[in-house]
Amino acid sequence: QVRLVESGGGSVQAGGSLRLSCTASIYGYRGRRYCISWFRQAPGKEREGVAAITYDGSATFYSAPVKGRFTISRDNAANTVALQMHSLKPEDSGMYYCSVEVFPCDLARRDKTRDWGQGTQVTVSP
């Protein structure tokens, strides 16, 4: 009832841009308010929240390290959520995961129940 598929990862030099996409089938959340978020995890580090968007697109949230450089958006007709990333830095490297959770959005809370995609790798070279 929930399927999240990420795409768009790759390798880029510092200062470059990438656009990630999450195709979401979330029938398990039908009738409920929810958030779709992007998280990332670098080797040896904990998974961290990057950006989130509410079920109706009325609000977006960003972590401090990416604010002003990343933009999350959704296309309800296509059932996709995109993460546009600009001015990429080597520290942005990692596996990027799309997730869905019951509203409200909470990027900082790691123990909240979420459904996850398989992830897409982003590598930023100096």
N, C-alpha and C. Protein backbone atom coordinates (compact mmCIF):
# COMPACT_ATOMS: atom_id res chain seq x y z
N GLN A 1 0.81 -1.21 0.00
CA GLN A 1 0.00 0.00 0.00
C GLN A 1 0.84 1.26 0.00
N VAL A 2 2.12 1.11 0.31
CA VAL A 2 3.04 2.24 0.26
C VAL A 2 4.26 1.83 -0.55
N ARG A 3 4.56 2.64 -1.56
CA ARG A 3 5.75 2.37 -2.36
C ARG A 3 6.36 3.71 -2.75
N LEU A 4 7.64 3.84 -2.43
CA LEU A 4 8.38 5.07 -2.72
C LEU A 4 9.59 4.70 -3.55
N VAL A 5 9.76 5.36 -4.68
CA VAL A 5 10.87 5.05 -5.57
C VAL A 5 11.62 6.34 -5.88
N GLU A 6 12.89 6.36 -5.46
CA GLU A 6 13.72 7.54 -5.69
C GLU A 6 14.50 7.40 -7.00
N SER A 7 14.80 8.54 -7.60
CA SER A 7 15.63 8.57 -8.81
C SER A 7 16.32 9.92 -8.88
N GLY A 8 17.31 10.01 -9.76
CA GLY A 8 17.96 11.29 -10.02
C GLY A 8 19.31 11.48 -9.36
N GLY A 9 19.73 10.52 -8.55
CA GLY A 9 21.04 10.67 -7.93
C GLY A 9 22.17 10.56 -8.94
N GLY A 10 23.37 10.88 -8.50
CA GLY A 10 24.52 10.79 -9.38
C GLY A 10 25.72 11.48 -8.78
N SER A 11 26.71 11.72 -9.62
CA SER A 11 27.94 12.36 -9.19
C SER A 11 28.04 13.74 -9.81
N VAL A 12 28.47 14.69 -9.02
CA VAL A 12 28.58 16.07 -9.48
C VAL A 12 29.72 16.75 -8.75
N GLN A 13 30.27 17.77 -9.34
CA GLN A 13 31.33 18.53 -8.67
C GLN A 13 30.71 19.55 -7.73
N ALA A 14 31.48 19.94 -6.75
CA ALA A 14 31.03 20.97 -5.81
C ALA A 14 30.59 22.21 -6.58
N GLY A 15 29.46 22.76 -6.11
CA GLY A 15 28.88 23.91 -6.78
C GLY A 15 27.83 23.55 -7.80
N GLY A 16 27.75 22.28 -8.14
CA GLY A 16 26.80 21.84 -9.14
C GLY A 16 25.41 21.61 -8.57
N SER A 17 24.54 21.09 -9.43
CA SER A 17 23.14 20.88 -9.05
C SER A 17 22.69 19.48 -9.44
N LEU A 18 21.73 18.98 -8.68
CA LEU A 18 21.06 17.72 -8.99
C LEU A 18 19.59 17.87 -8.63
N ARG A 19 18.77 17.08 -9.31
CA ARG A 19 17.35 17.05 -8.99
C ARG A 19 16.94 15.61 -8.72
N LEU A 20 16.49 15.37 -7.51
CA LEU A 20 16.01 14.06 -7.11
C LEU A 20 14.49 14.02 -7.26
N SER A 21 13.99 12.84 -7.54
CA SER A 21 12.55 12.67 -7.66
C SER A 21 12.11 11.45 -6.87
N CYS A 22 10.96 11.56 -6.25
CA CYS A 22 10.37 10.44 -5.50
C CYS A 22 8.97 10.20 -6.08
N THR A 23 8.78 9.02 -6.63
CA THR A 23 7.46 8.64 -7.10
C THR A 23 6.77 7.88 -5.98
N ALA A 24 5.64 8.41 -5.54
CA ALA A 24 5.01 7.90 -4.33
C ALA A 24 3.65 7.27 -4.61
N SER A 25 3.51 6.04 -4.17
CA SER A 25 2.19 5.37 -4.13
C SER A 25 1.88 5.16 -2.66
N ILE A 26 0.96 5.93 -2.12
CA ILE A 26 0.75 5.95 -0.66
C ILE A 26 -0.72 5.72 -0.32
N TYR A 27 -1.28 4.66 -0.90
CA TYR A 27 -2.68 4.37 -0.63
C TYR A 27 -2.92 4.06 0.84
N GLY A 28 -1.86 3.64 1.53
CA GLY A 28 -1.99 3.36 2.95
C GLY A 28 -2.23 4.60 3.79
N TYR A 29 -2.02 5.75 3.20
CA TYR A 29 -2.24 7.02 3.91
C TYR A 29 -3.52 7.71 3.45
N ARG A 30 -4.30 7.02 2.66
CA ARG A 30 -5.53 7.63 2.16
C ARG A 30 -6.42 8.05 3.32
N GLY A 31 -6.93 9.26 3.26
CA GLY A 31 -7.81 9.78 4.30
C GLY A 31 -7.07 10.38 5.48
N ARG A 32 -5.75 10.31 5.44
CA ARG A 32 -4.96 10.88 6.54
C ARG A 32 -4.07 12.00 6.02
N ARG A 33 -3.78 12.92 6.89
CA ARG A 33 -2.81 13.94 6.54
C ARG A 33 -1.41 13.35 6.70
N TYR A 34 -0.52 13.72 5.81
CA TYR A 34 0.81 13.12 5.84
C TYR A 34 1.85 14.12 5.35
N CYS A 35 3.09 13.73 5.53
CA CYS A 35 4.23 14.51 5.03
C CYS A 35 5.12 13.60 4.20
N ILE A 36 5.68 14.13 3.16
CA ILE A 36 6.72 13.42 2.42
C ILE A 36 8.02 14.17 2.62
N SER A 37 9.04 13.42 2.96
CA SER A 37 10.31 14.03 3.34
C SER A 37 11.46 13.38 2.60
N TRP A 38 12.56 14.11 2.58
CA TRP A 38 13.84 13.57 2.11
C TRP A 38 14.78 13.53 3.30
N PHE A 39 15.42 12.38 3.45
CA PHE A 39 16.47 12.19 4.44
C PHE A 39 17.73 11.79 3.70
N ARG A 40 18.86 11.91 4.38
CA ARG A 40 20.11 11.46 3.79
C ARG A 40 20.96 10.81 4.86
N GLN A 41 21.85 9.94 4.38
CA GLN A 41 22.75 9.26 5.30
C GLN A 41 24.09 9.07 4.63
N ALA A 42 25.11 9.61 5.28
CA ALA A 42 26.49 9.44 4.82
C ALA A 42 27.10 8.24 5.55
N PRO A 43 28.11 7.62 4.98
CA PRO A 43 28.73 6.45 5.63
C PRO A 43 29.22 6.81 7.03
N GLY A 44 28.87 5.98 8.00
CA GLY A 44 29.30 6.19 9.37
C GLY A 44 28.53 7.24 10.13
N LYS A 45 27.51 7.81 9.51
CA LYS A 45 26.72 8.84 10.17
C LYS A 45 25.26 8.43 10.26
N GLU A 46 24.55 9.08 11.16
CA GLU A 46 23.13 8.80 11.31
C GLU A 46 22.34 9.45 10.18
N ARG A 47 21.19 8.85 9.91
CA ARG A 47 20.31 9.42 8.91
C ARG A 47 19.76 10.76 9.42
N GLU A 48 19.74 11.76 8.56
CA GLU A 48 19.28 13.07 8.97
C GLU A 48 18.22 13.60 8.00
N GLY A 49 17.28 14.34 8.56
CA GLY A 49 16.24 14.95 7.74
C GLY A 49 16.79 16.11 6.96
N VAL A 50 16.32 16.25 5.72
CA VAL A 50 16.78 17.30 4.83
C VAL A 50 15.66 18.28 4.50
N ALA A 51 14.54 17.75 4.03
CA ALA A 51 13.43 18.62 3.63
C ALA A 51 12.13 17.84 3.71
N ALA A 52 11.03 18.56 3.92
CA ALA A 52 9.72 17.91 4.01
C ALA A 52 8.67 18.83 3.41
N ILE A 53 7.59 18.20 2.94
CA ILE A 53 6.47 18.96 2.39
C ILE A 53 5.18 18.31 2.86
N THR A 54 4.21 19.14 3.20
CA THR A 54 2.95 18.61 3.71
C THR A 54 2.10 17.99 2.60
N TYR A 55 1.09 17.23 3.01
CA TYR A 55 0.22 16.50 2.09
C TYR A 55 -0.42 17.39 1.04
N ASP A 56 -0.66 18.66 1.40
CA ASP A 56 -1.32 19.57 0.46
C ASP A 56 -0.36 20.57 -0.15
N GLY A 57 0.91 20.44 0.18
CA GLY A 57 1.90 21.36 -0.37
C GLY A 57 1.89 22.74 0.24
N SER A 58 1.14 22.91 1.32
CA SER A 58 0.99 24.25 1.88
C SER A 58 2.19 24.70 2.70
N ALA A 59 3.01 23.75 3.11
CA ALA A 59 4.17 24.11 3.93
C ALA A 59 5.35 23.23 3.59
N THR A 60 6.52 23.83 3.67
CA THR A 60 7.77 23.09 3.46
C THR A 60 8.70 23.37 4.62
N PHE A 61 9.60 22.44 4.83
CA PHE A 61 10.53 22.53 5.95
C PHE A 61 11.91 22.10 5.47
N TYR A 62 12.94 22.73 6.03
CA TYR A 62 14.30 22.42 5.63
C TYR A 62 15.21 22.37 6.85
N SER A 63 16.20 21.51 6.76
CA SER A 63 17.22 21.50 7.80
C SER A 63 18.15 22.69 7.58
N ALA A 64 18.82 23.09 8.62
CA ALA A 64 19.69 24.27 8.54
C ALA A 64 20.79 24.13 7.48
N PRO A 65 21.43 22.96 7.36
CA PRO A 65 22.53 22.87 6.38
C PRO A 65 22.11 23.05 4.92
N VAL A 66 20.84 22.86 4.61
CA VAL A 66 20.44 22.91 3.20
C VAL A 66 19.53 24.09 2.89
N LYS A 67 19.10 24.79 3.91
CA LYS A 67 18.17 25.89 3.69
C LYS A 67 18.79 26.94 2.77
N GLY A 68 18.02 27.33 1.79
CA GLY A 68 18.52 28.30 0.82
C GLY A 68 19.19 27.68 -0.39
N ARG A 69 19.51 26.39 -0.31
CA ARG A 69 20.16 25.71 -1.43
C ARG A 69 19.27 24.63 -2.04
N PHE A 70 18.43 24.01 -1.21
CA PHE A 70 17.55 22.93 -1.66
C PHE A 70 16.11 23.42 -1.67
N THR A 71 15.34 22.87 -2.61
CA THR A 71 13.91 23.19 -2.69
C THR A 71 13.13 21.90 -2.88
N ILE A 72 12.14 21.69 -2.03
CA ILE A 72 11.27 20.53 -2.15
C ILE A 72 9.94 20.98 -2.77
N SER A 73 9.41 20.16 -3.65
CA SER A 73 8.14 20.51 -4.31
C SER A 73 7.40 19.23 -4.65
N ARG A 74 6.13 19.36 -4.95
CA ARG A 74 5.35 18.18 -5.27
C ARG A 74 4.47 18.43 -6.49
N ASP A 75 4.27 17.37 -7.22
CA ASP A 75 3.38 17.37 -8.39
C ASP A 75 2.34 16.29 -8.12
N ASN A 76 1.19 16.71 -7.64
CA ASN A 76 0.17 15.73 -7.25
C ASN A 76 -0.34 14.93 -8.45
N ALA A 77 -0.41 15.56 -9.59
CA ALA A 77 -0.90 14.85 -10.77
C ALA A 77 0.01 13.69 -11.14
N ALA A 78 1.30 13.88 -10.90
CA ALA A 78 2.27 12.84 -11.24
C ALA A 78 2.67 12.01 -10.03
N ASN A 79 2.11 12.33 -8.89
CA ASN A 79 2.45 11.61 -7.65
C ASN A 79 3.95 11.62 -7.38
N THR A 80 4.58 12.76 -7.59
CA THR A 80 6.01 12.86 -7.36
C THR A 80 6.34 14.02 -6.43
N VAL A 81 7.42 13.84 -5.73
CA VAL A 81 7.99 14.89 -4.89
C VAL A 81 9.44 15.05 -5.33
N ALA A 82 9.82 16.26 -5.64
CA ALA A 82 11.17 16.53 -6.13
C ALA A 82 11.99 17.26 -5.09
N LEU A 83 13.28 17.05 -5.14
CA LEU A 83 14.24 17.79 -4.32
C LEU A 83 15.26 18.39 -5.27
N GLN A 84 15.16 19.68 -5.49
CA GLN A 84 16.12 20.38 -6.32
C GLN A 84 17.26 20.86 -5.44
N MET A 85 18.47 20.47 -5.81
CA MET A 85 19.64 20.79 -4.99
C MET A 85 20.61 21.64 -5.78
N HIS A 86 20.96 22.78 -5.24
CA HIS A 86 21.91 23.69 -5.87
C HIS A 86 23.10 23.91 -4.94
N SER A 87 24.16 24.46 -5.52
CA SER A 87 25.37 24.80 -4.73
C SER A 87 25.80 23.62 -3.86
N LEU A 88 25.86 22.46 -4.47
CA LEU A 88 26.17 21.25 -3.71
C LEU A 88 27.58 21.29 -3.15
N LYS A 89 27.72 20.69 -1.98
CA LYS A 89 28.99 20.63 -1.27
C LYS A 89 29.36 19.16 -1.05
N PRO A 90 30.63 18.86 -0.86
CA PRO A 90 31.01 17.47 -0.59
C PRO A 90 30.26 16.88 0.61
N GLU A 91 29.97 17.69 1.60
CA GLU A 91 29.25 17.19 2.78
C GLU A 91 27.78 16.88 2.49
N ASP A 92 27.29 17.20 1.30
CA ASP A 92 25.95 16.79 0.90
C ASP A 92 25.92 15.36 0.38
N SER A 93 27.07 14.74 0.23
CA SER A 93 27.15 13.38 -0.30
C SER A 93 26.48 12.40 0.65
N GLY A 94 25.87 11.37 0.07
CA GLY A 94 25.25 10.33 0.87
C GLY A 94 24.11 9.68 0.11
N MET A 95 23.49 8.72 0.78
CA MET A 95 22.30 8.09 0.21
C MET A 95 21.10 8.94 0.60
N TYR A 96 20.30 9.29 -0.36
CA TYR A 96 19.12 10.11 -0.12
C TYR A 96 17.87 9.23 -0.20
N TYR A 97 17.06 9.34 0.83
CA TYR A 97 15.86 8.51 0.95
C TYR A 97 14.60 9.39 0.97
N CYS A 98 13.60 8.91 0.30
CA CYS A 98 12.28 9.51 0.38
C CYS A 98 11.48 8.77 1.45
N SER A 99 10.68 9.50 2.20
CA SER A 99 9.89 8.85 3.24
C SER A 99 8.51 9.51 3.33
N VAL A 100 7.59 8.79 3.94
CA VAL A 100 6.26 9.33 4.19
C VAL A 100 5.89 9.03 5.64
N GLU A 101 5.26 9.98 6.28
CA GLU A 101 4.89 9.84 7.69
C GLU A 101 3.56 10.55 7.91
N VAL A 102 2.93 10.18 9.01
CA VAL A 102 1.70 10.86 9.39
C VAL A 102 2.04 12.29 9.79
N PHE A 103 1.20 13.23 9.39
CA PHE A 103 1.33 14.63 9.77
C PHE A 103 1.35 14.74 11.30
N PRO A 104 2.15 15.66 11.88
CA PRO A 104 2.92 16.74 11.25
C PRO A 104 4.30 16.29 10.79
N CYS A 105 4.90 17.10 9.95
CA CYS A 105 6.26 16.86 9.51
C CYS A 105 7.21 17.12 10.68
N ASP A 106 8.19 16.25 10.81
CA ASP A 106 9.14 16.41 11.91
C ASP A 106 10.49 15.85 11.48
N LEU A 107 11.29 16.68 10.83
CA LEU A 107 12.58 16.23 10.31
C LEU A 107 13.55 15.82 11.41
N ALA A 108 13.39 16.43 12.57
CA ALA A 108 14.37 16.21 13.64
C ALA A 108 14.11 14.93 14.42
N ARG A 109 12.94 14.36 14.29
CA ARG A 109 12.59 13.20 15.11
C ARG A 109 12.93 11.92 14.38
N ARG A 110 13.95 11.23 14.86
CA ARG A 110 14.43 10.03 14.18
C ARG A 110 13.58 8.79 14.49
N ASP A 111 12.89 8.80 15.64
CA ASP A 111 12.20 7.57 16.05
C ASP A 111 10.76 7.53 15.56
N LYS A 112 10.36 8.47 14.75
CA LYS A 112 8.99 8.48 14.26
C LYS A 112 8.81 7.39 13.20
N THR A 113 7.65 6.77 13.21
CA THR A 113 7.38 5.72 12.24
C THR A 113 7.23 6.31 10.85
N ARG A 114 7.99 5.77 9.91
CA ARG A 114 7.97 6.24 8.53
C ARG A 114 8.05 5.05 7.58
N ASP A 115 7.54 5.24 6.40
CA ASP A 115 7.78 4.31 5.31
C ASP A 115 8.89 4.89 4.43
N TRP A 116 9.75 4.02 3.94
CA TRP A 116 10.96 4.46 3.24
C TRP A 116 11.07 3.88 1.84
N GLY A 117 11.74 4.65 0.98
CA GLY A 117 12.16 4.11 -0.30
C GLY A 117 13.52 3.47 -0.16
N GLN A 118 14.07 3.01 -1.28
CA GLN A 118 15.35 2.31 -1.27
C GLN A 118 16.54 3.26 -1.32
N GLY A 119 16.32 4.48 -1.71
CA GLY A 119 17.39 5.46 -1.71
C GLY A 119 18.05 5.64 -3.07
N THR A 120 18.69 6.79 -3.22
CA THR A 120 19.47 7.09 -4.42
C THR A 120 20.74 7.81 -3.98
N GLN A 121 21.85 7.43 -4.56
CA GLN A 121 23.15 7.92 -4.12
C GLN A 121 23.49 9.27 -4.75
N VAL A 122 23.98 10.16 -3.91
CA VAL A 122 24.47 11.46 -4.36
C VAL A 122 25.93 11.57 -3.93
N THR A 123 26.79 11.87 -4.87
CA THR A 123 28.21 12.04 -4.58
C THR A 123 28.66 13.39 -5.11
N VAL A 124 29.21 14.20 -4.22
CA VAL A 124 29.69 15.53 -4.60
C VAL A 124 31.21 15.54 -4.39
N SER A 125 31.94 15.76 -5.45
CA SER A 125 33.39 15.78 -5.36
C SER A 125 33.89 17.21 -5.20
N PRO A 126 35.02 17.37 -4.51
CA PRO A 126 35.55 18.73 -4.26
C PRO A 126 35.90 19.45 -5.54
